[in-house]
């Protein structure tokens, strides 16, 4: 963490990288659906062999990251120096597509399973909260473009997940003399922290 002790610009800590967030969401999808982790694939990943014909699998990825206003909160630390915390809420849109004979069942299982708090616990530890699990849509087979022909006819179900991510970035404040800090309550932003 950089501080203002030497002057200059302070750089907020960005939190988890996109690849780490997608890995975490993939682990949650695999855990809830019971699919093997290698059949729950990030859309932007190292190319992998096509799943066996007749296998049910999932492809997902973050397609939109929108940020709401950032808030800065100031806190007194035990050493009397104080610190600022930048609270930025970010909304993540994550479409998940299931392919194979059990595609719709898996999408429905994921949607229902995400509403069980124990299943969301790994997300909470990363300061990510479920906002919504959308409708399960089964598009006509002909609209499954970009999917190999042998998989196109085996079924597809789409589900859009929306998460809110709240990376809190502490920024140290250096001061000489007396620093007066007013205490403020953290706003309830719908995200459970550690």
Protein backbone atom coordinates (compact mmCIF):
# COMPACT_ATOMS: atom_id res chain seq x y z
CA UNK A 1 0.00 0.00 0.00
CA UNK A 2 1.38 3.41 -0.87
CA UNK A 3 1.01 6.30 1.58
CA UNK A 4 1.11 10.06 1.53
CA UNK A 5 4.21 10.08 3.75
CA UNK A 6 6.44 10.91 0.77
CA UNK A 7 3.92 12.94 -1.23
CA UNK A 8 2.92 12.25 -4.80
CA UNK A 9 -0.01 10.33 -6.17
CA UNK A 10 -1.78 7.58 -4.26
CA UNK A 11 -2.81 4.57 -6.27
CA UNK A 12 -5.93 2.68 -5.17
CA UNK A 13 -5.64 -1.06 -4.93
CA UNK A 14 -7.79 -2.55 -7.71
CA UNK A 15 -8.93 -5.70 -5.88
CA UNK A 16 -9.24 -9.01 -7.70
CA UNK A 17 -8.18 -9.20 -11.33
CA UNK A 18 -10.81 -10.11 -13.93
CA UNK A 19 -9.29 -13.57 -14.42
CA UNK A 20 -9.48 -14.23 -10.66
CA UNK A 21 -13.12 -13.11 -10.54
CA UNK A 22 -14.00 -15.39 -13.48
CA UNK A 23 -12.12 -18.29 -11.88
CA UNK A 24 -14.08 -17.76 -8.65
CA UNK A 25 -17.43 -17.53 -10.47
CA UNK A 26 -16.52 -20.67 -12.43
CA UNK A 27 -15.79 -22.52 -9.18
CA UNK A 28 -19.19 -21.45 -7.82
CA UNK A 29 -20.97 -22.57 -11.02
CA UNK A 30 -19.20 -25.95 -10.90
CA UNK A 31 -19.94 -26.37 -7.20
CA UNK A 32 -23.65 -25.61 -7.50
CA UNK A 33 -24.32 -27.56 -10.70
CA UNK A 34 -22.05 -30.50 -9.93
CA UNK A 35 -20.38 -30.19 -13.33
CA UNK A 36 -16.67 -31.03 -13.39
CA UNK A 37 -14.64 -27.79 -13.25
CA UNK A 38 -13.04 -28.49 -16.64
CA UNK A 39 -16.55 -28.43 -18.19
CA UNK A 40 -17.25 -24.97 -16.74
CA UNK A 41 -15.24 -22.74 -19.05
CA UNK A 42 -14.45 -19.06 -19.20
CA UNK A 43 -15.37 -17.66 -22.62
CA UNK A 44 -12.05 -15.86 -22.94
CA UNK A 45 -9.59 -18.59 -22.08
CA UNK A 46 -6.89 -20.74 -23.55
CA UNK A 47 -8.55 -22.83 -26.27
CA UNK A 48 -9.59 -26.23 -24.98
CA UNK A 49 -10.71 -29.40 -26.70
CA UNK A 50 -14.44 -29.59 -27.41
CA UNK A 51 -16.37 -31.56 -24.78
CA UNK A 52 -17.41 -35.07 -25.75
CA UNK A 53 -20.64 -35.32 -27.71
CA UNK A 54 -23.47 -35.80 -25.24
CA UNK A 55 -21.68 -34.02 -22.39
CA UNK A 56 -23.35 -31.15 -20.57
CA UNK A 57 -21.07 -28.16 -20.09
CA UNK A 58 -21.08 -24.42 -19.41
CA UNK A 59 -19.46 -21.40 -21.02
CA UNK A 60 -19.54 -18.06 -19.15
CA UNK A 61 -17.75 -14.76 -18.92
CA UNK A 62 -17.95 -11.18 -17.70
CA UNK A 63 -19.34 -9.12 -20.57
CA UNK A 64 -20.04 -5.83 -18.81
CA UNK A 65 -18.48 -4.00 -15.88
CA UNK A 66 -20.28 -0.83 -14.88
CA UNK A 67 -19.22 1.32 -12.00
CA UNK A 68 -21.37 3.38 -9.72
CA UNK A 69 -20.11 6.39 -7.80
CA UNK A 70 -17.10 5.92 -5.57
CA UNK A 71 -17.26 7.01 -1.96
CA UNK A 72 -14.35 7.98 0.27
CA UNK A 73 -14.58 7.28 4.00
CA UNK A 74 -11.99 8.41 6.54
CA UNK A 75 -11.10 6.30 9.59
CA UNK A 76 -8.79 6.69 12.54
CA UNK A 77 -6.27 3.87 12.94
CA UNK A 78 -4.85 2.59 16.23
CA UNK A 79 -1.61 4.50 15.67
CA UNK A 80 -3.55 7.76 15.37
CA UNK A 81 -2.58 8.30 11.74
CA UNK A 82 -5.94 7.61 10.13
CA UNK A 83 -6.71 6.24 6.73
CA UNK A 84 -9.11 6.71 3.87
CA UNK A 85 -11.08 3.92 2.29
CA UNK A 86 -12.30 4.20 -1.28
CA UNK A 87 -15.52 2.26 -1.75
CA UNK A 88 -16.35 1.60 -5.39
CA UNK A 89 -19.36 -0.51 -6.28
CA UNK A 90 -19.09 -2.27 -9.61
CA UNK A 91 -21.85 -4.23 -11.35
CA UNK A 92 -20.76 -7.35 -13.26
CA UNK A 93 -22.94 -8.87 -15.98
CA UNK A 94 -22.11 -12.55 -16.51
CA UNK A 95 -23.97 -14.52 -19.19
CA UNK A 96 -23.73 -18.29 -18.72
CA UNK A 97 -24.64 -20.70 -21.52
CA UNK A 98 -25.19 -24.38 -20.84
CA UNK A 99 -24.92 -26.93 -23.64
CA UNK A 100 -25.85 -30.60 -23.77
CA UNK A 101 -28.75 -32.86 -22.89
CA UNK A 102 -29.14 -31.51 -19.32
CA UNK A 103 -28.51 -27.84 -20.22
CA UNK A 104 -31.83 -26.46 -18.98
CA UNK A 105 -31.71 -28.50 -15.76
CA UNK A 106 -28.20 -27.19 -15.02
CA UNK A 107 -29.22 -23.57 -15.69
CA UNK A 108 -32.24 -23.94 -13.37
CA UNK A 109 -30.08 -25.65 -10.74
CA UNK A 110 -27.59 -22.76 -10.87
CA UNK A 111 -30.34 -20.14 -10.65
CA UNK A 112 -31.93 -21.81 -7.61
CA UNK A 113 -28.60 -22.67 -5.99
CA UNK A 114 -27.36 -19.09 -6.08
CA UNK A 115 -30.22 -18.11 -3.77
CA UNK A 116 -28.82 -20.37 -1.02
CA UNK A 117 -26.56 -18.22 1.15
CA UNK A 118 -24.05 -21.00 1.82
CA UNK A 119 -23.44 -21.31 -1.93
CA UNK A 120 -22.63 -17.59 -2.19
CA UNK A 121 -20.14 -17.62 0.67
CA UNK A 122 -17.02 -17.89 -1.57
CA UNK A 123 -18.27 -14.78 -3.38
CA UNK A 124 -18.77 -12.88 -0.11
CA UNK A 125 -15.14 -13.47 0.84
CA UNK A 126 -14.19 -11.67 -2.38
CA UNK A 127 -16.70 -8.88 -1.62
CA UNK A 128 -19.02 -9.98 -4.43
CA UNK A 129 -22.79 -10.22 -3.98
CA UNK A 130 -25.51 -11.71 -6.16
CA UNK A 131 -27.91 -9.07 -7.47
CA UNK A 132 -29.97 -11.22 -9.83
CA UNK A 133 -30.09 -14.55 -11.61
CA UNK A 134 -32.19 -13.86 -14.71
CA UNK A 135 -34.62 -16.01 -16.63
CA UNK A 136 -33.47 -19.28 -18.18
CA UNK A 137 -33.83 -18.95 -21.95
CA UNK A 138 -33.59 -21.84 -24.40
CA UNK A 139 -32.91 -20.30 -27.81
CA UNK A 140 -33.75 -22.15 -31.02
CA UNK A 141 -30.92 -24.44 -32.08
CA UNK A 142 -30.26 -22.43 -35.23
CA UNK A 143 -29.37 -19.35 -33.16
CA UNK A 144 -26.51 -21.10 -31.39
CA UNK A 145 -23.90 -19.57 -33.68
CA UNK A 146 -20.25 -20.26 -33.03
CA UNK A 147 -21.02 -23.66 -31.53
CA UNK A 148 -19.90 -26.82 -33.36
CA UNK A 149 -22.74 -28.49 -35.30
CA UNK A 150 -22.68 -31.69 -33.22
CA UNK A 151 -23.19 -29.61 -30.05
CA UNK A 152 -25.65 -27.15 -31.56
CA UNK A 153 -28.41 -29.74 -31.75
CA UNK A 154 -27.83 -31.14 -28.27
CA UNK A 155 -29.50 -28.20 -26.52
CA UNK A 156 -28.63 -24.82 -25.09
CA UNK A 157 -29.90 -22.80 -22.14
CA UNK A 158 -28.81 -19.25 -21.35
CA UNK A 159 -28.91 -17.47 -18.01
CA UNK A 160 -27.61 -13.98 -17.21
CA UNK A 161 -26.17 -13.44 -13.75
CA UNK A 162 -25.66 -10.00 -12.23
CA UNK A 163 -23.24 -9.45 -9.37
CA UNK A 164 -22.15 -6.39 -7.41
CA UNK A 165 -18.51 -6.13 -6.47
CA UNK A 166 -17.27 -3.74 -3.82
CA UNK A 167 -13.49 -3.52 -3.67
CA UNK A 168 -12.52 -1.39 -0.69
CA UNK A 169 -9.09 0.13 -1.10
CA UNK A 170 -7.37 1.49 1.99
CA UNK A 171 -5.15 4.53 1.41
CA UNK A 172 -2.84 5.55 4.25
CA UNK A 173 -2.66 9.13 5.44
CA UNK A 174 0.46 10.51 7.05
CA UNK A 175 0.17 13.53 9.29
CA UNK A 176 2.24 15.43 11.80
CA UNK A 177 0.58 16.94 14.82
CA UNK A 178 -3.06 16.49 15.69
CA UNK A 179 -5.47 15.02 13.20
CA UNK A 180 -9.20 15.38 13.81
CA UNK A 181 -11.17 12.58 12.21
CA UNK A 182 -14.92 12.28 12.35
CA UNK A 183 -16.27 8.77 12.51
CA UNK A 184 -18.82 7.66 9.94
CA UNK A 185 -20.77 4.46 9.66
CA UNK A 186 -20.15 2.27 6.62
CA UNK A 187 -23.19 2.43 4.33
CA UNK A 188 -25.14 -0.77 3.87
CA UNK A 189 -24.28 -1.54 0.26
CA UNK A 190 -25.63 -5.09 0.20
CA UNK A 191 -22.19 -6.68 0.36
CA UNK A 192 -21.13 -8.82 3.25
CA UNK A 193 -17.44 -8.46 4.12
CA UNK A 194 -15.06 -10.60 6.15
